[in-house]
Amino acid sequence: MYKTQRRPEREMIFGIRAVIEAVKSGKMIEKILVRRDMSSQLSRELFAAAAAENIPVQKIPIEKLNQFTSKNHQGTVAFISPVEFQLIENIIPALFEQGKNPYIVVLDGVTDVRNFGAIARTAECAGVSAIVVPSAHSAAINADAVKTSAGALLTVPVCRVQNLRNALQYLAQSGLKIVAITEKADKNYTTISYSVPLALVLGSEDEGISPEILKMCDEQAAIPLSGTIESLNVSVAAGVAMYEVVRQRQNHE
């Protein structure tokens, strides 16, 4: 038995042609759900259009799809995002042109909506320039996320990328220092300099930052723990690290 929380129909688009047109017209789409066995020329057109816009597409059983609506969805349902996604390739040059010191937060595998919203809220308060997330294996950027963020997701630019490795490579080539906050590191997070253009990387609470992403980081740092629990909640760890950046940058002004 498949169970899912039904969302208001005003937040969804039904039908494969309607979804294709929505994607091509630039509509902000959080994700697209399609019938698992869908295979047609139109479906291939949909997959291509979604890939071009970094929109996640998930194949699910028809029984689960039917729980979202009683309308004739034709095997395709798209969820409208309240957030307008931006391109990191536009943000970084603009920051340098404005004489600003880039401060980017990169989330690798943070899938909990509440954690994501809490991180976004702290990011806004800490003056983060943008948040970068992968299009797959990331928290839903929906009304619940916006609410948890206290509206910060409507203020802080969010960049959804198809390939996180490519995004980090671009940030490194743009002159940003890539720092991973991970419990696997030996270095204390306060011993690293964050006054330079920076990308702060955080991972999921269960698996942390993936090994291939860790390899791309210039430095790795840990938040010291004195208790018996092995790690902090990712939103708490993000808050601690983000405000160390704030502290150091204020001292360098």
Protein backbone atom coordinates (compact mmCIF):
# COMPACT_ATOMS: atom_id res chain seq x y z
CA MET A 1 0.00 0.00 0.00
CA TYR A 2 1.49 3.33 -1.08
CA LYS A 3 0.81 6.33 1.12
CA THR A 4 1.69 9.92 0.38
CA GLN A 5 0.74 13.34 1.65
CA ARG A 6 -1.54 15.00 -0.86
CA ARG A 7 -0.58 18.57 -1.65
CA PRO A 8 -2.93 21.30 -2.88
CA GLU A 9 -3.65 20.88 -6.59
CA ARG A 10 -2.74 24.53 -7.18
CA GLU A 11 0.86 23.46 -6.49
CA MET A 12 0.81 20.81 -9.22
CA ILE A 13 0.62 20.49 -13.00
CA PHE A 14 -1.00 17.39 -14.54
CA GLY A 15 -0.51 15.75 -17.92
CA ILE A 16 2.62 15.12 -19.93
CA ARG A 17 2.04 17.83 -22.57
CA ALA A 18 1.14 20.42 -19.93
CA VAL A 19 4.28 19.60 -17.97
CA ILE A 20 6.49 19.77 -21.07
CA GLU A 21 5.10 23.20 -21.92
CA ALA A 22 5.54 24.38 -18.33
CA VAL A 23 9.19 23.33 -18.34
CA LYS A 24 9.91 24.91 -21.72
CA SER A 25 8.21 28.16 -20.70
CA GLY A 26 10.52 28.53 -17.71
CA LYS A 27 8.04 27.63 -14.98
CA MET A 28 9.82 26.93 -11.71
CA ILE A 29 9.40 23.18 -11.14
CA GLU A 30 10.50 21.44 -7.95
CA LYS A 31 10.33 17.90 -9.38
CA ILE A 32 8.41 15.74 -11.84
CA LEU A 33 6.85 12.36 -11.08
CA VAL A 34 6.12 9.97 -13.94
CA ARG A 35 4.61 6.51 -14.24
CA ARG A 36 7.35 3.94 -13.83
CA ASP A 37 6.70 2.11 -17.12
CA MET A 38 6.28 5.27 -19.21
CA SER A 39 8.04 4.94 -22.56
CA SER A 40 7.02 7.06 -25.51
CA GLN A 41 8.26 9.82 -27.76
CA LEU A 42 6.54 12.40 -25.54
CA SER A 43 8.14 10.97 -22.41
CA ARG A 44 11.56 11.21 -24.03
CA GLU A 45 10.82 14.82 -24.89
CA LEU A 46 9.83 15.42 -21.27
CA PHE A 47 13.01 13.82 -19.91
CA ALA A 48 15.17 15.89 -22.25
CA ALA A 49 13.41 19.14 -21.33
CA ALA A 50 13.70 18.38 -17.61
CA ALA A 51 17.39 17.51 -17.89
CA ALA A 52 18.08 20.78 -19.69
CA GLU A 53 16.60 22.68 -16.73
CA ASN A 54 18.13 20.51 -13.96
CA ILE A 55 14.67 19.34 -12.88
CA PRO A 56 14.61 15.99 -11.05
CA VAL A 57 12.40 13.30 -12.62
CA GLN A 58 11.31 10.36 -10.48
CA LYS A 59 9.67 7.19 -11.82
CA ILE A 60 7.09 5.75 -9.43
CA PRO A 61 4.29 3.14 -9.49
CA ILE A 62 0.97 4.30 -10.92
CA GLU A 63 -0.68 3.53 -7.57
CA LYS A 64 1.41 6.15 -5.84
CA LEU A 65 0.90 8.65 -8.64
CA ASN A 66 -2.88 8.26 -8.33
CA GLN A 67 -2.73 9.37 -4.70
CA PHE A 68 -1.75 12.90 -5.67
CA THR A 69 -4.90 13.59 -7.67
CA SER A 70 -8.08 12.02 -9.01
CA LYS A 71 -7.70 13.98 -12.24
CA ASN A 72 -6.50 12.45 -15.51
CA HIS A 73 -2.79 13.02 -14.96
CA GLN A 74 -1.70 10.84 -17.92
CA GLY A 75 1.10 9.40 -15.84
CA THR A 76 2.80 12.73 -15.17
CA VAL A 77 2.62 15.16 -12.24
CA ALA A 78 4.89 18.17 -11.76
CA PHE A 79 5.25 20.10 -8.51
CA ILE A 80 5.56 23.87 -8.74
CA SER A 81 8.39 25.38 -6.72
CA PRO A 82 7.88 28.64 -4.81
CA VAL A 83 11.59 29.37 -5.30
CA GLU A 84 13.11 30.83 -8.45
CA PHE A 85 16.35 28.96 -9.06
CA GLN A 86 19.41 30.85 -10.20
CA LEU A 87 22.65 30.00 -12.00
CA ILE A 88 25.84 29.95 -9.97
CA GLU A 89 27.66 30.98 -13.16
CA ASN A 90 25.76 34.27 -13.02
CA ILE A 91 26.09 34.85 -9.29
CA ILE A 92 29.87 34.52 -8.86
CA PRO A 93 30.89 37.04 -11.57
CA ALA A 94 28.26 39.49 -10.28
CA LEU A 95 29.64 39.25 -6.74
CA PHE A 96 33.20 39.98 -7.90
CA GLU A 97 32.00 42.86 -10.09
CA GLN A 98 30.22 44.37 -7.07
CA GLY A 99 33.40 44.11 -5.01
CA LYS A 100 31.87 41.50 -2.69
CA ASN A 101 33.62 38.53 -1.11
CA PRO A 102 31.74 35.39 -2.26
CA TYR A 103 30.39 33.18 0.52
CA ILE A 104 28.69 30.06 -0.84
CA VAL A 105 27.15 27.13 1.02
CA VAL A 106 27.10 23.79 -0.83
CA LEU A 107 24.84 20.99 0.42
CA ASP A 108 25.72 17.44 -0.59
CA GLY A 109 22.83 15.07 0.08
CA VAL A 110 20.81 17.08 2.62
CA THR A 111 17.38 15.55 2.02
CA ASP A 112 15.40 16.56 5.12
CA VAL A 113 13.16 19.55 4.37
CA ARG A 114 13.36 20.88 7.93
CA ASN A 115 17.15 20.72 7.99
CA PHE A 116 17.32 22.41 4.61
CA GLY A 117 14.95 25.16 5.69
CA ALA A 118 16.86 25.73 8.92
CA ILE A 119 20.17 25.95 7.03
CA ALA A 120 18.67 28.47 4.62
CA ARG A 121 17.39 30.58 7.51
CA THR A 122 20.84 30.67 9.13
CA ALA A 123 22.47 31.31 5.75
CA GLU A 124 20.34 34.39 5.22
CA CYS A 125 21.20 35.71 8.68
CA ALA A 126 24.91 34.99 8.13
CA GLY A 127 25.06 36.85 4.81
CA VAL A 128 25.61 33.81 2.60
CA SER A 129 25.72 34.75 -1.09
CA ALA A 130 24.00 31.60 -2.40
CA ILE A 131 23.12 28.00 -1.60
CA VAL A 132 24.08 25.28 -4.09
CA VAL A 133 22.23 21.95 -4.12
CA PRO A 134 22.18 18.98 -6.52
CA SER A 135 19.03 18.35 -8.52
CA ALA A 136 18.96 14.73 -7.28
CA HIS A 137 19.23 13.47 -3.69
CA SER A 138 18.34 16.82 -2.18
CA ALA A 139 15.52 18.14 -0.02
CA ALA A 140 12.30 19.21 -1.70
CA ILE A 141 12.29 22.96 -2.20
CA ASN A 142 8.61 23.50 -1.57
CA ALA A 143 6.24 25.52 0.59
CA ASP A 144 7.23 23.54 3.70
CA ALA A 145 10.90 24.34 3.13
CA VAL A 146 10.09 28.02 2.67
CA LYS A 147 8.05 28.01 5.89
CA THR A 148 10.82 26.29 7.85
CA SER A 149 13.30 28.82 6.51
CA ALA A 150 11.08 31.67 7.80
CA GLY A 151 11.00 32.96 4.22
CA ALA A 152 14.77 32.96 3.78
CA LEU A 153 14.49 30.75 0.69
CA LEU A 154 12.69 33.62 -1.02
CA THR A 155 15.70 35.86 -0.32
CA VAL A 156 18.87 33.76 -0.52
CA PRO A 157 19.66 32.67 -4.10
CA VAL A 158 19.31 28.89 -4.56
CA CYS A 159 21.28 27.23 -7.36
CA ARG A 160 20.14 23.74 -8.34
CA VAL A 161 22.83 21.97 -10.35
CA GLN A 162 22.81 18.76 -12.36
CA ASN A 163 26.35 17.81 -11.32
CA LEU A 164 27.76 18.93 -7.97
CA ARG A 165 31.33 18.04 -8.99
CA ASN A 166 31.12 20.36 -11.99
CA ALA A 167 29.71 23.13 -9.81
CA LEU A 168 32.56 22.79 -7.30
CA GLN A 169 35.07 22.74 -10.13
CA TYR A 170 33.60 26.00 -11.41
CA LEU A 171 33.79 27.56 -7.94
CA ALA A 172 37.43 26.48 -7.57
CA GLN A 173 38.32 27.83 -11.01
CA SER A 174 36.64 31.10 -10.02
CA GLY A 175 39.06 31.45 -7.12
CA LEU A 176 36.94 30.18 -4.25
CA LYS A 177 38.46 28.14 -1.45
CA ILE A 178 36.49 24.90 -0.97
CA VAL A 179 36.20 23.85 2.70
CA ALA A 180 34.43 20.68 3.86
CA ILE A 181 32.90 20.55 7.32
CA THR A 182 33.12 16.88 8.26
CA GLU A 183 33.51 14.83 11.42
CA LYS A 184 36.10 12.74 9.55
CA ALA A 185 38.62 15.60 9.57
CA ASP A 186 41.44 16.02 12.11
CA LYS A 187 41.70 19.81 11.81
CA ASN A 188 39.58 22.03 14.08
CA TYR A 189 37.21 24.22 12.08
CA THR A 190 38.35 27.38 13.90
CA THR A 191 41.95 26.98 12.68
CA ILE A 192 41.02 27.53 9.02
CA SER A 193 40.93 30.97 7.40
CA TYR A 194 37.54 31.85 5.92
CA SER A 195 38.29 35.46 4.98
CA VAL A 196 38.95 34.60 1.31
CA PRO A 197 36.25 33.85 -1.31
CA LEU A 198 34.70 30.68 0.09
CA ALA A 199 32.50 27.68 -0.58
CA LEU A 200 31.50 25.83 2.59
CA VAL A 201 30.48 22.20 1.95
CA LEU A 202 28.20 20.18 4.25
CA GLY A 203 26.82 16.67 3.79
CA SER A 204 23.90 14.55 4.87
CA GLU A 205 23.63 13.59 8.52
CA ASP A 206 23.63 9.85 7.84
CA GLU A 207 26.44 9.61 5.27
CA GLY A 208 28.13 13.00 5.40
CA ILE A 209 29.94 14.43 2.39
CA SER A 210 30.49 11.89 -0.37
CA PRO A 211 34.11 10.75 -0.92
CA GLU A 212 34.29 12.16 -4.46
CA ILE A 213 33.22 15.59 -3.20
CA LEU A 214 35.64 15.46 -0.26
CA LYS A 215 38.50 14.90 -2.70
CA MET A 216 37.69 18.19 -4.40
CA CYS A 217 37.91 20.25 -1.21
CA ASP A 218 40.98 22.35 -0.43
CA GLU A 219 40.62 21.75 3.30
CA GLN A 220 38.59 19.55 5.64
CA ALA A 221 37.64 20.61 9.16
CA ALA A 222 35.68 19.19 12.07
CA ILE A 223 33.62 20.73 14.84
CA PRO A 224 34.94 19.23 18.12
CA LEU A 225 32.51 17.10 20.09
CA SER A 226 32.75 16.32 23.80
CA GLY A 227 29.74 14.04 24.22
CA THR A 228 29.10 10.45 23.25
CA ILE A 229 27.03 11.21 20.12
CA GLU A 230 29.27 11.07 17.06
CA SER A 231 27.87 13.97 15.04
CA LEU A 232 25.78 17.13 15.17
CA ASN A 233 22.54 17.59 13.27
CA VAL A 234 23.58 19.01 9.89
CA SER A 235 21.61 22.23 10.37
CA VAL A 236 23.32 22.82 13.72
CA ALA A 237 26.76 22.04 12.26
CA ALA A 238 26.00 24.41 9.40
CA GLY A 239 25.07 27.17 11.83
CA VAL A 240 28.23 26.73 13.87
CA ALA A 241 30.45 26.78 10.78
CA MET A 242 28.63 29.65 9.06
CA TYR A 243 29.02 31.91 12.06
CA GLU A 244 32.72 31.12 12.39
CA VAL A 245 32.97 32.58 8.87
CA VAL A 246 31.03 35.64 10.04
CA ARG A 247 33.28 36.06 13.11
CA GLN A 248 36.50 35.84 11.12
CA ARG A 249 35.33 38.16 8.36
CA GLN A 250 34.16 40.78 10.84
CA ASN A 251 37.58 40.69 12.51
CA HIS A 252 39.26 41.25 9.13
CA GLU A 253 37.21 44.32 8.24
